[in-house]
C-alpha atoms as a PDB file:
ATOM      1  CA  MET A   1       0.019   0.000  -0.009  1.00  0.00           C
ATOM      2  CA  SER A   2       1.219   3.468  -0.847  1.00  0.00           C
ATOM      3  CA  LEU A   3       2.400   5.759   2.044  1.00  0.00           C
ATOM      4  CA  PHE A   4       0.231   8.425   0.368  1.00  0.00           C
ATOM      5  CA  LEU A   5      -2.850   6.381   0.874  1.00  0.00           C
ATOM      6  CA  SER A   6      -2.050   5.031   4.408  1.00  0.00           C
ATOM      7  CA  ALA A   7      -0.700   8.112   6.178  1.00  0.00           C
ATOM      8  CA  ARG A   8      -2.899  10.597   8.043  1.00  0.00           C
ATOM      9  CA  VAL A   9      -1.767  14.200   7.598  1.00  0.00           C
ATOM     10  CA  GLY A  10      -3.364  17.440   8.668  1.00  0.00           C
ATOM     11  CA  ILE A  11      -2.389  21.069   8.269  1.00  0.00           C
ATOM     12  CA  TRP A  12      -2.869  24.052  10.462  1.00  0.00           C
ATOM     13  CA  VAL A  13      -2.491  27.380   8.756  1.00  0.00           C
ATOM     14  CA  GLY A  14      -1.637  30.062  11.335  1.00  0.00           C
ATOM     15  CA  PRO A  15      -2.841  33.593  11.465  1.00  0.00           C
ATOM     16  CA  GLU A  16      -0.637  36.472  10.632  1.00  0.00           C
ATOM     17  CA  GLY A  17       1.603  36.895  13.667  1.00  0.00           C
ATOM     18  CA  ASP A  18       1.632  33.178  14.380  1.00  0.00           C
ATOM     19  CA  PHE A  19      -0.299  31.018  16.840  1.00  0.00           C
ATOM     20  CA  THR A  20      -0.593  32.051  20.449  1.00  0.00           C
ATOM     21  CA  PRO A  21       1.363  30.107  23.072  1.00  0.00           C
ATOM     22  CA  ASP A  22      -1.866  28.652  24.338  1.00  0.00           C
ATOM     23  CA  GLU A  23      -2.772  27.399  20.834  1.00  0.00           C
ATOM     24  CA  LEU A  24       0.642  25.871  20.405  1.00  0.00           C
ATOM     25  CA  GLU A  25       0.433  24.190  23.808  1.00  0.00           C
ATOM     26  CA  ALA A  26      -2.950  22.711  22.956  1.00  0.00           C
ATOM     27  CA  ALA A  27      -1.702  21.471  19.628  1.00  0.00           C
ATOM     28  CA  LEU A  28       1.266  19.756  21.090  1.00  0.00           C
ATOM     29  CA  ALA A  29      -0.835  18.202  23.844  1.00  0.00           C
ATOM     30  CA  ALA A  30      -3.050  16.801  21.103  1.00  0.00           C
ATOM     31  CA  GLY A  31      -0.103  15.093  19.588  1.00  0.00           C
ATOM     32  CA  ILE A  32       0.560  17.463  16.726  1.00  0.00           C
ATOM     33  CA  VAL A  33       4.060  17.165  15.216  1.00  0.00           C
ATOM     34  CA  PRO A  34       5.103  20.658  14.119  1.00  0.00           C
ATOM     35  CA  VAL A  35       6.792  21.229  10.774  1.00  0.00           C
ATOM     36  CA  SER A  36       8.421  24.463   9.741  1.00  0.00           C
ATOM     37  CA  LEU A  37       8.886  26.019   6.362  1.00  0.00           C
ATOM     38  CA  GLY A  38      11.785  27.965   7.811  1.00  0.00           C
ATOM     39  CA  ASP A  39      11.849  31.591   6.774  1.00  0.00           C
ATOM     40  CA  LEU A  40       9.174  30.899   4.018  1.00  0.00           C
ATOM     41  CA  THR A  41       5.929  32.773   4.762  1.00  0.00           C
ATOM     42  CA  LEU A  42       2.907  31.970   2.733  1.00  0.00           C
ATOM     43  CA  ARG A  43      -0.467  33.693   2.537  1.00  0.00           C
ATOM     44  CA  ALA A  44      -3.429  31.649   3.988  1.00  0.00           C
ATOM     45  CA  GLU A  45      -4.808  31.472   0.488  1.00  0.00           C
ATOM     46  CA  THR A  46      -1.850  29.581  -0.857  1.00  0.00           C
ATOM     47  CA  ALA A  47      -0.560  27.629   2.179  1.00  0.00           C
ATOM     48  CA  ALA A  48      -2.770  24.594   1.702  1.00  0.00           C
ATOM     49  CA  LEU A  49      -2.070  24.308  -1.979  1.00  0.00           C
ATOM     50  CA  TYR A  50       1.702  24.501  -1.275  1.00  0.00           C
ATOM     51  CA  PHE A  51       1.351  21.865   1.477  1.00  0.00           C
ATOM     52  CA  ILE A  52      -0.563  19.454  -0.806  1.00  0.00           C
ATOM     53  CA  THR A  53       1.992  19.916  -3.672  1.00  0.00           C
ATOM     54  CA  ALA A  54       4.977  19.310  -1.250  1.00  0.00           C
ATOM     55  CA  LEU A  55       3.351  16.108   0.071  1.00  0.00           C
ATOM     56  CA  ARG A  56       2.628  14.753  -3.272  1.00  0.00           C
ATOM     57  CA  TYR A  57       6.211  15.518  -4.442  1.00  0.00           C
ATOM     58  CA  GLU A  58       7.721  13.911  -1.439  1.00  0.00           C
ATOM     59  CA  TRP A  59       5.560  10.823  -1.643  1.00  0.00           C
ATOM     60  CA  GLY A  60       6.188  10.372  -5.363  1.00  0.00           C
ATOM     61  CA  GLN A  61       2.674  11.335  -6.407  1.00  0.00           C
ATOM     62  CA  THR A  62       3.557  13.867  -9.112  1.00  0.00           C
ATOM     63  CA  SER A  63       1.577  12.463 -11.966  1.00  0.00           C
ATOM     64  CA  GLY A  64      -2.093  11.652 -12.437  1.00  0.00           C
END
């Protein structure tokens, strides 16, 4: 079975200025594994599209 089909992935797109400390604490307590894009800052309108594209690339799902 493909990793792409068996993995469960979610995305949180933060507000301008980042998440509050309480929001981050709640996310970590819920088992969220944070991933950073480093210095790259995306608009909320494009962040989800970027994320899906990056996952498909990493998991070898670049066609079809």
